[in-house]
Amino acid sequence: MANQLDTKHLALASLSMRGLGHKSVITILSKADTIPQTAADFETLLQATIGQRTKERTTDEFKAAFDRGGSILADATAQNIVVCPYNDPIYPVRLRSIENPPSVIYVKGNLDCLSNSAALAIVGTRHPTTWGGQTARRVAHRCAENHVTVVSGLALGCD
């Protein structure tokens, strides 16, 4: 089995490919016997696992996506953000069971919260007022203090 760093890179590179969504990435992760170490290996793997959807892609596109996946992973690591692909053992079981789960989630904070059954998402406007932003932060902080996992879709504004 490949190490998790390689699996994370594969997931992020796959998401960086034009026209591939979460379902395709989950398929790639589930069918990958070996994890690509080069852009050429990445291209070969995608052609073997999802074939038809890769026909109009150039070698340069595969290389750019492979490099972009590595760059995203490096940036996340530098910011203490854990990249958690669908096939990672810490990926939340409840999230895995929904109809269309994300192929990758990003976690900042306590990883143990991923298994918490109490979770809250705060959704608001892209342009919150000062009061709205402060209130959302206060509510999120209080929830976290009381062992409620605060989740975010990482949208701009109050999310």
N, C-alpha and C. Protein backbone atom coordinates (compact mmCIF):
# COMPACT_ATOMS: atom_id res chain seq x y z
N MET A 1 0.85 -1.20 0.00
CA MET A 1 0.00 0.00 0.00
C MET A 1 0.88 1.24 0.00
N ALA A 2 0.53 2.21 -0.79
CA ALA A 2 1.30 3.45 -0.86
C ALA A 2 1.09 4.26 0.41
N ASN A 3 2.06 5.11 0.70
CA ASN A 3 1.88 5.92 1.90
C ASN A 3 0.83 7.00 1.65
N GLN A 4 0.29 7.55 2.73
CA GLN A 4 -0.81 8.51 2.63
C GLN A 4 -0.41 9.80 1.91
N LEU A 5 0.86 10.20 2.01
CA LEU A 5 1.30 11.41 1.32
C LEU A 5 1.10 11.24 -0.18
N ASP A 6 1.46 10.07 -0.71
CA ASP A 6 1.29 9.81 -2.13
C ASP A 6 -0.19 9.77 -2.52
N THR A 7 -1.03 9.19 -1.68
CA THR A 7 -2.46 9.13 -1.95
C THR A 7 -3.06 10.53 -1.96
N LYS A 8 -2.61 11.37 -1.06
CA LYS A 8 -3.09 12.75 -1.02
C LYS A 8 -2.71 13.48 -2.29
N HIS A 9 -1.47 13.31 -2.73
CA HIS A 9 -1.02 13.94 -3.96
C HIS A 9 -1.86 13.46 -5.14
N LEU A 10 -2.12 12.15 -5.22
CA LEU A 10 -2.93 11.60 -6.29
C LEU A 10 -4.32 12.22 -6.30
N ALA A 11 -4.95 12.32 -5.13
CA ALA A 11 -6.30 12.88 -5.05
C ALA A 11 -6.31 14.34 -5.50
N LEU A 12 -5.36 15.12 -5.02
CA LEU A 12 -5.32 16.54 -5.37
C LEU A 12 -4.98 16.76 -6.84
N ALA A 13 -4.07 15.95 -7.38
CA ALA A 13 -3.74 16.05 -8.80
C ALA A 13 -4.95 15.69 -9.65
N SER A 14 -5.67 14.65 -9.25
CA SER A 14 -6.85 14.24 -10.00
C SER A 14 -7.92 15.32 -9.98
N LEU A 15 -8.12 15.95 -8.82
CA LEU A 15 -9.09 17.05 -8.73
C LEU A 15 -8.67 18.25 -9.57
N SER A 16 -7.37 18.36 -9.83
CA SER A 16 -6.86 19.47 -10.62
C SER A 16 -7.03 19.27 -12.12
N MET A 17 -7.43 18.07 -12.52
CA MET A 17 -7.65 17.79 -13.94
C MET A 17 -8.99 18.38 -14.39
N ARG A 18 -8.95 19.08 -15.49
CA ARG A 18 -10.17 19.65 -16.08
C ARG A 18 -11.17 18.54 -16.35
N GLY A 19 -12.40 18.74 -15.92
CA GLY A 19 -13.47 17.79 -16.22
C GLY A 19 -13.62 16.63 -15.26
N LEU A 20 -12.76 16.53 -14.26
CA LEU A 20 -12.89 15.44 -13.29
C LEU A 20 -13.49 15.97 -12.00
N GLY A 21 -14.51 15.30 -11.51
CA GLY A 21 -15.15 15.69 -10.26
C GLY A 21 -14.89 14.68 -9.16
N HIS A 22 -15.61 14.84 -8.09
CA HIS A 22 -15.40 14.00 -6.91
C HIS A 22 -15.65 12.52 -7.18
N LYS A 23 -16.68 12.19 -7.95
CA LYS A 23 -16.96 10.78 -8.23
C LYS A 23 -15.81 10.13 -8.99
N SER A 24 -15.28 10.86 -9.98
CA SER A 24 -14.14 10.32 -10.74
C SER A 24 -12.92 10.13 -9.85
N VAL A 25 -12.68 11.08 -8.97
CA VAL A 25 -11.51 10.99 -8.10
C VAL A 25 -11.66 9.80 -7.15
N ILE A 26 -12.84 9.58 -6.62
CA ILE A 26 -13.07 8.43 -5.74
C ILE A 26 -12.83 7.13 -6.53
N THR A 27 -13.26 7.08 -7.77
CA THR A 27 -13.01 5.91 -8.61
C THR A 27 -11.51 5.71 -8.80
N ILE A 28 -10.79 6.77 -9.08
CA ILE A 28 -9.34 6.68 -9.27
C ILE A 28 -8.67 6.17 -8.00
N LEU A 29 -9.05 6.74 -6.85
CA LEU A 29 -8.46 6.31 -5.58
C LEU A 29 -8.75 4.85 -5.28
N SER A 30 -9.95 4.40 -5.61
CA SER A 30 -10.32 3.02 -5.29
C SER A 30 -9.69 2.00 -6.23
N LYS A 31 -9.35 2.41 -7.44
CA LYS A 31 -8.79 1.48 -8.41
C LYS A 31 -7.28 1.53 -8.53
N ALA A 32 -6.64 2.50 -7.90
CA ALA A 32 -5.19 2.65 -8.03
C ALA A 32 -4.46 1.57 -7.23
N ASP A 33 -3.80 0.66 -7.95
CA ASP A 33 -2.99 -0.36 -7.29
C ASP A 33 -1.65 0.20 -6.86
N THR A 34 -1.13 1.10 -7.67
CA THR A 34 0.12 1.78 -7.34
C THR A 34 -0.12 3.28 -7.47
N ILE A 35 0.63 4.03 -6.73
CA ILE A 35 0.49 5.48 -6.74
C ILE A 35 1.55 6.06 -7.66
N PRO A 36 1.14 6.94 -8.58
CA PRO A 36 2.11 7.50 -9.53
C PRO A 36 3.17 8.36 -8.84
N GLN A 37 4.39 8.21 -9.31
CA GLN A 37 5.50 9.00 -8.78
C GLN A 37 5.92 10.11 -9.73
N THR A 38 5.43 10.05 -10.98
CA THR A 38 5.74 11.06 -11.98
C THR A 38 4.46 11.45 -12.70
N ALA A 39 4.54 12.55 -13.45
CA ALA A 39 3.39 12.98 -14.24
C ALA A 39 3.04 11.94 -15.30
N ALA A 40 4.04 11.28 -15.86
CA ALA A 40 3.78 10.23 -16.87
C ALA A 40 3.03 9.05 -16.23
N ASP A 41 3.44 8.67 -15.02
CA ASP A 41 2.73 7.60 -14.30
C ASP A 41 1.28 8.02 -14.01
N PHE A 42 1.10 9.29 -13.66
CA PHE A 42 -0.23 9.83 -13.37
C PHE A 42 -1.11 9.73 -14.62
N GLU A 43 -0.58 10.11 -15.76
CA GLU A 43 -1.32 10.04 -17.01
C GLU A 43 -1.72 8.59 -17.32
N THR A 44 -0.78 7.68 -17.16
CA THR A 44 -1.05 6.25 -17.41
C THR A 44 -2.14 5.73 -16.49
N LEU A 45 -2.07 6.08 -15.21
CA LEU A 45 -3.08 5.62 -14.25
C LEU A 45 -4.46 6.15 -14.62
N LEU A 46 -4.59 7.44 -14.91
CA LEU A 46 -5.89 7.99 -15.24
C LEU A 46 -6.45 7.38 -16.52
N GLN A 47 -5.61 7.17 -17.50
CA GLN A 47 -6.09 6.55 -18.74
C GLN A 47 -6.58 5.13 -18.48
N ALA A 48 -5.92 4.42 -17.58
CA ALA A 48 -6.31 3.05 -17.26
C ALA A 48 -7.58 2.97 -16.41
N THR A 49 -7.81 3.97 -15.55
CA THR A 49 -8.95 3.89 -14.62
C THR A 49 -10.20 4.59 -15.13
N ILE A 50 -10.04 5.71 -15.82
CA ILE A 50 -11.24 6.44 -16.27
C ILE A 50 -11.21 6.71 -17.77
N GLY A 51 -10.30 6.10 -18.46
CA GLY A 51 -10.11 6.13 -19.90
C GLY A 51 -10.77 7.21 -20.73
N GLN A 52 -12.03 7.05 -21.05
CA GLN A 52 -12.73 7.92 -22.00
C GLN A 52 -12.62 9.40 -21.64
N ARG A 53 -12.69 9.72 -20.37
CA ARG A 53 -12.67 11.13 -19.96
C ARG A 53 -11.28 11.76 -20.08
N THR A 54 -10.27 10.97 -20.42
CA THR A 54 -8.91 11.51 -20.53
C THR A 54 -8.46 11.65 -21.98
N LYS A 55 -9.28 11.21 -22.94
CA LYS A 55 -8.86 11.16 -24.34
C LYS A 55 -8.47 12.52 -24.90
N GLU A 56 -9.16 13.58 -24.53
CA GLU A 56 -8.88 14.89 -25.11
C GLU A 56 -7.86 15.69 -24.30
N ARG A 57 -7.21 15.06 -23.35
CA ARG A 57 -6.23 15.75 -22.51
C ARG A 57 -4.82 15.58 -23.10
N THR A 58 -4.02 16.61 -22.96
CA THR A 58 -2.64 16.54 -23.44
C THR A 58 -1.72 16.13 -22.31
N THR A 59 -0.54 15.68 -22.69
CA THR A 59 0.47 15.32 -21.70
C THR A 59 0.79 16.52 -20.81
N ASP A 60 0.79 17.72 -21.38
CA ASP A 60 1.05 18.94 -20.60
C ASP A 60 -0.03 19.16 -19.54
N GLU A 61 -1.29 18.83 -19.86
CA GLU A 61 -2.36 18.97 -18.87
C GLU A 61 -2.17 18.01 -17.70
N PHE A 62 -1.75 16.79 -18.01
CA PHE A 62 -1.49 15.82 -16.93
C PHE A 62 -0.34 16.31 -16.05
N LYS A 63 0.72 16.82 -16.68
CA LYS A 63 1.86 17.32 -15.93
C LYS A 63 1.47 18.51 -15.06
N ALA A 64 0.70 19.44 -15.62
CA ALA A 64 0.27 20.62 -14.86
C ALA A 64 -0.59 20.21 -13.66
N ALA A 65 -1.51 19.26 -13.86
CA ALA A 65 -2.36 18.81 -12.76
C ALA A 65 -1.55 18.09 -11.70
N PHE A 66 -0.60 17.25 -12.13
CA PHE A 66 0.26 16.54 -11.19
C PHE A 66 1.07 17.53 -10.35
N ASP A 67 1.63 18.54 -11.01
CA ASP A 67 2.40 19.57 -10.30
C ASP A 67 1.51 20.40 -9.37
N ARG A 68 0.31 20.74 -9.85
CA ARG A 68 -0.63 21.53 -9.04
C ARG A 68 -1.04 20.75 -7.79
N GLY A 69 -1.26 19.45 -7.92
CA GLY A 69 -1.60 18.62 -6.76
C GLY A 69 -0.50 18.66 -5.72
N GLY A 70 0.76 18.57 -6.16
CA GLY A 70 1.89 18.65 -5.24
C GLY A 70 2.00 20.01 -4.58
N SER A 71 1.72 21.05 -5.33
CA SER A 71 1.78 22.41 -4.80
C SER A 71 0.68 22.65 -3.75
N ILE A 72 -0.52 22.19 -4.04
CA ILE A 72 -1.63 22.33 -3.08
C ILE A 72 -1.30 21.59 -1.80
N LEU A 73 -0.77 20.38 -1.93
CA LEU A 73 -0.40 19.59 -0.75
C LEU A 73 0.68 20.28 0.07
N ALA A 74 1.68 20.83 -0.60
CA ALA A 74 2.76 21.54 0.11
C ALA A 74 2.23 22.78 0.83
N ASP A 75 1.34 23.53 0.16
CA ASP A 75 0.75 24.72 0.79
C ASP A 75 -0.08 24.34 2.01
N ALA A 76 -0.88 23.30 1.88
CA ALA A 76 -1.72 22.85 3.00
C ALA A 76 -0.84 22.43 4.17
N THR A 77 0.19 21.66 3.89
CA THR A 77 1.09 21.18 4.94
C THR A 77 1.76 22.35 5.65
N ALA A 78 2.17 23.35 4.89
CA ALA A 78 2.82 24.53 5.47
C ALA A 78 1.88 25.30 6.39
N GLN A 79 0.58 25.19 6.15
CA GLN A 79 -0.41 25.90 6.97
C GLN A 79 -1.05 24.99 8.02
N ASN A 80 -0.45 23.83 8.26
CA ASN A 80 -0.97 22.86 9.23
C ASN A 80 -2.39 22.42 8.91
N ILE A 81 -2.66 22.26 7.63
CA ILE A 81 -3.95 21.76 7.17
C ILE A 81 -3.75 20.32 6.72
N VAL A 82 -4.55 19.41 7.26
CA VAL A 82 -4.46 18.00 6.89
C VAL A 82 -5.35 17.76 5.68
N VAL A 83 -4.77 17.18 4.65
CA VAL A 83 -5.52 16.79 3.46
C VAL A 83 -5.96 15.35 3.68
N CYS A 84 -7.26 15.12 3.60
CA CYS A 84 -7.81 13.80 3.91
C CYS A 84 -8.63 13.29 2.72
N PRO A 85 -8.02 12.43 1.88
CA PRO A 85 -8.77 11.88 0.75
C PRO A 85 -9.78 10.84 1.20
N TYR A 86 -10.73 10.55 0.34
CA TYR A 86 -11.83 9.63 0.62
C TYR A 86 -11.37 8.28 1.15
N ASN A 87 -10.25 7.78 0.69
CA ASN A 87 -9.79 6.45 1.10
C ASN A 87 -8.88 6.49 2.33
N ASP A 88 -8.73 7.63 2.95
CA ASP A 88 -7.90 7.75 4.16
C ASP A 88 -8.67 7.18 5.36
N PRO A 89 -8.00 6.43 6.22
CA PRO A 89 -8.69 5.85 7.39
C PRO A 89 -9.35 6.89 8.31
N ILE A 90 -8.86 8.13 8.31
CA ILE A 90 -9.47 9.13 9.19
C ILE A 90 -10.64 9.86 8.53
N TYR A 91 -10.92 9.59 7.26
CA TYR A 91 -12.07 10.22 6.59
C TYR A 91 -13.34 9.84 7.35
N PRO A 92 -14.18 10.81 7.68
CA PRO A 92 -15.37 10.52 8.50
C PRO A 92 -16.33 9.51 7.88
N VAL A 93 -16.67 8.49 8.64
CA VAL A 93 -17.56 7.43 8.17
C VAL A 93 -18.92 8.01 7.77
N ARG A 94 -19.43 8.92 8.56
CA ARG A 94 -20.74 9.50 8.25
C ARG A 94 -20.72 10.28 6.95
N LEU A 95 -19.62 10.96 6.68
CA LEU A 95 -19.50 11.72 5.43
C LEU A 95 -19.36 10.77 4.24
N ARG A 96 -18.65 9.68 4.44
CA ARG A 96 -18.46 8.69 3.38
C ARG A 96 -19.80 8.07 2.96
N SER A 97 -20.77 8.06 3.86
CA SER A 97 -22.04 7.39 3.59
C SER A 97 -23.07 8.26 2.86
N ILE A 98 -22.79 9.54 2.63
CA ILE A 98 -23.77 10.38 1.93
C ILE A 98 -23.75 10.07 0.43
N GLU A 99 -24.75 10.52 -0.28
CA GLU A 99 -24.90 10.17 -1.69
C GLU A 99 -23.72 10.62 -2.56
N ASN A 100 -23.24 11.81 -2.37
CA ASN A 100 -22.16 12.32 -3.21
C ASN A 100 -21.08 12.95 -2.32
N PRO A 101 -20.28 12.12 -1.66
CA PRO A 101 -19.29 12.66 -0.72
C PRO A 101 -18.14 13.38 -1.43
N PRO A 102 -17.53 14.33 -0.76
CA PRO A 102 -16.34 14.96 -1.34
C PRO A 102 -15.20 13.95 -1.40
N SER A 103 -14.39 14.04 -2.42
CA SER A 103 -13.27 13.10 -2.56
C SER A 103 -12.11 13.48 -1.65
N VAL A 104 -12.09 14.73 -1.22
CA VAL A 104 -11.04 15.23 -0.33
C VAL A 104 -11.67 16.23 0.63
N ILE A 105 -11.27 16.14 1.89
CA ILE A 105 -11.62 17.20 2.83
C ILE A 105 -10.33 17.75 3.41
N TYR A 106 -10.40 18.96 3.90
CA TYR A 106 -9.25 19.63 4.49
C TYR A 106 -9.58 19.88 5.96
N VAL A 107 -8.66 19.51 6.83
CA VAL A 107 -8.92 19.59 8.26
C VAL A 107 -7.88 20.46 8.93
N LYS A 108 -8.37 21.44 9.67
CA LYS A 108 -7.48 22.27 10.47
C LYS A 108 -8.01 22.19 11.90
N GLY A 109 -7.16 21.75 12.78
CA GLY A 109 -7.59 21.60 14.17
C GLY A 109 -7.51 20.16 14.61
N ASN A 110 -8.39 19.81 15.51
CA ASN A 110 -8.39 18.51 16.16
C ASN A 110 -8.99 17.44 15.24
N LEU A 111 -8.16 16.50 14.79
CA LEU A 111 -8.62 15.43 13.89
C LEU A 111 -9.65 14.52 14.55
N ASP A 112 -9.63 14.42 15.87
CA ASP A 112 -10.59 13.58 16.57
C ASP A 112 -12.03 14.06 16.35
N CYS A 113 -12.18 15.33 16.01
CA CYS A 113 -13.52 15.88 15.79
C CYS A 113 -14.20 15.27 14.57
N LEU A 114 -13.43 14.63 13.70
CA LEU A 114 -14.03 14.04 12.51
C LEU A 114 -15.01 12.93 12.84
N SER A 115 -14.83 12.31 13.99
CA SER A 115 -15.74 11.22 14.36
C SER A 115 -16.84 11.70 15.32
N ASN A 116 -16.88 12.98 15.60
CA ASN A 116 -17.88 13.55 16.49
C ASN A 116 -19.26 13.53 15.81
N SER A 117 -20.27 13.08 16.52
CA SER A 117 -21.60 13.03 15.94
C SER A 117 -22.31 14.39 15.97
N ALA A 118 -21.84 15.32 16.79
CA ALA A 118 -22.43 16.64 16.85
C ALA A 118 -21.59 17.60 16.01
N ALA A 119 -22.19 18.13 14.94
CA ALA A 119 -21.46 19.03 14.04
C ALA A 119 -22.37 20.18 13.62
N LEU A 120 -21.76 21.30 13.32
CA LEU A 120 -22.50 22.50 12.95
C LEU A 120 -21.79 23.21 11.81
N ALA A 121 -22.54 23.65 10.82
CA ALA A 121 -22.00 24.50 9.75
C ALA A 121 -22.68 25.85 9.87
N ILE A 122 -21.89 26.90 9.83
CA ILE A 122 -22.43 28.26 9.88
C ILE A 122 -22.32 28.83 8.48
N VAL A 123 -23.46 29.13 7.87
CA VAL A 123 -23.47 29.61 6.49
C VAL A 123 -24.06 31.01 6.49
N GLY A 124 -23.38 31.90 5.80
CA GLY A 124 -23.86 33.27 5.74
C GLY A 124 -23.51 33.91 4.41
N THR A 125 -23.37 35.19 4.43
CA THR A 125 -23.12 35.96 3.22
C THR A 125 -21.63 36.01 2.88
N ARG A 126 -21.33 36.30 1.63
CA ARG A 126 -19.93 36.49 1.23
C ARG A 126 -19.37 37.80 1.77
N HIS A 127 -20.24 38.71 2.09
CA HIS A 127 -19.81 40.02 2.58
C HIS A 127 -20.49 40.34 3.92
N PRO A 128 -20.06 39.65 4.99
CA PRO A 128 -20.71 39.88 6.28
C PRO A 128 -20.37 41.27 6.84
N THR A 129 -21.28 41.78 7.62
CA THR A 129 -20.98 43.01 8.35
C THR A 129 -19.97 42.67 9.45
N THR A 130 -19.39 43.65 10.04
CA THR A 130 -18.46 43.41 11.14
C THR A 130 -19.17 42.66 12.25
N TRP A 131 -20.38 43.09 12.58
CA TRP A 131 -21.16 42.43 13.63
C TRP A 131 -21.45 40.98 13.25
N GLY A 132 -21.84 40.73 12.00
CA GLY A 132 -22.16 39.38 11.55
C GLY A 132 -20.96 38.45 11.65
N GLY A 133 -19.79 38.94 11.24
CA GLY A 133 -18.56 38.14 11.32
C GLY A 133 -18.19 37.83 12.76
N GLN A 134 -18.30 38.84 13.63
CA GLN A 134 -17.98 38.64 15.05
C GLN A 134 -18.95 37.66 15.69
N THR A 135 -20.21 37.77 15.34
CA THR A 135 -21.22 36.87 15.90
C THR A 135 -20.98 35.44 15.45
N ALA A 136 -20.69 35.24 14.18
CA ALA A 136 -20.42 33.89 13.67
C ALA A 136 -19.20 33.29 14.37
N ARG A 137 -18.14 34.08 14.56
CA ARG A 137 -16.95 33.58 15.27
C ARG A 137 -17.29 33.22 16.71
N ARG A 138 -18.10 34.05 17.36
CA ARG A 138 -18.48 33.78 18.75
C ARG A 138 -19.30 32.50 18.86
N VAL A 139 -20.25 32.31 17.95
CA VAL A 139 -21.08 31.10 17.97
C VAL A 139 -20.19 29.88 17.71
N ALA A 140 -19.31 29.96 16.72
CA ALA A 140 -18.42 28.84 16.40
C ALA A 140 -17.52 28.51 17.59
N HIS A 141 -16.99 29.53 18.23
CA HIS A 141 -16.11 29.32 19.38
C HIS A 141 -16.86 28.63 20.52
N ARG A 142 -18.06 29.10 20.81
CA ARG A 142 -18.87 28.49 21.88
C ARG A 142 -19.21 27.04 21.57
N CYS A 143 -19.54 26.78 20.32
CA CYS A 143 -19.84 25.40 19.91
C CYS A 143 -18.62 24.51 20.12
N ALA A 144 -17.47 24.98 19.67
CA ALA A 144 -16.24 24.19 19.82
C ALA A 144 -15.93 23.94 21.29
N GLU A 145 -16.14 24.95 22.13
CA GLU A 145 -15.91 24.78 23.57
C GLU A 145 -16.80 23.69 24.15
N ASN A 146 -17.97 23.50 23.54
CA ASN A 146 -18.93 22.51 24.03
C ASN A 146 -18.92 21.22 23.21
N HIS A 147 -17.78 20.96 22.58
CA HIS A 147 -17.53 19.70 21.86
C HIS A 147 -18.45 19.48 20.66
N VAL A 148 -18.84 20.56 20.01
CA VAL A 148 -19.57 20.48 18.76
C VAL A 148 -18.57 20.81 17.66
N THR A 149 -18.42 19.92 16.69
CA THR A 149 -17.50 20.13 15.59
C THR A 149 -18.05 21.21 14.66
N VAL A 150 -17.23 22.21 14.37
CA VAL A 150 -17.61 23.28 13.47
C VAL A 150 -17.01 22.97 12.11
N VAL A 151 -17.88 22.82 11.10
CA VAL A 151 -17.43 22.49 9.75
C VAL A 151 -17.61 23.68 8.82
N SER A 152 -16.81 23.71 7.77
CA SER A 152 -16.89 24.81 6.82
C SER A 152 -16.66 24.28 5.42
N GLY A 153 -17.32 24.89 4.46
CA GLY A 153 -17.09 24.57 3.07
C GLY A 153 -16.01 25.45 2.47
N LEU A 154 -15.41 26.30 3.29
CA LEU A 154 -14.34 27.21 2.90
C LEU A 154 -14.76 28.24 1.86
N ALA A 155 -16.03 28.58 1.86
CA ALA A 155 -16.50 29.63 0.96
C ALA A 155 -16.01 30.99 1.48
N LEU A 156 -16.01 31.96 0.59
CA LEU A 156 -15.64 33.31 0.99
C LEU A 156 -16.71 33.87 1.92
N GLY A 157 -16.30 34.74 2.81
CA GLY A 157 -17.26 35.40 3.69
C GLY A 157 -17.53 34.62 4.94
N CYS A 158 -18.78 34.57 5.32
CA CYS A 158 -19.19 33.96 6.59
C CYS A 158 -19.57 32.51 6.35
N ASP A 159 -18.58 31.62 6.47
CA ASP A 159 -18.82 30.18 6.25
C ASP A 159 -18.00 29.42 7.27
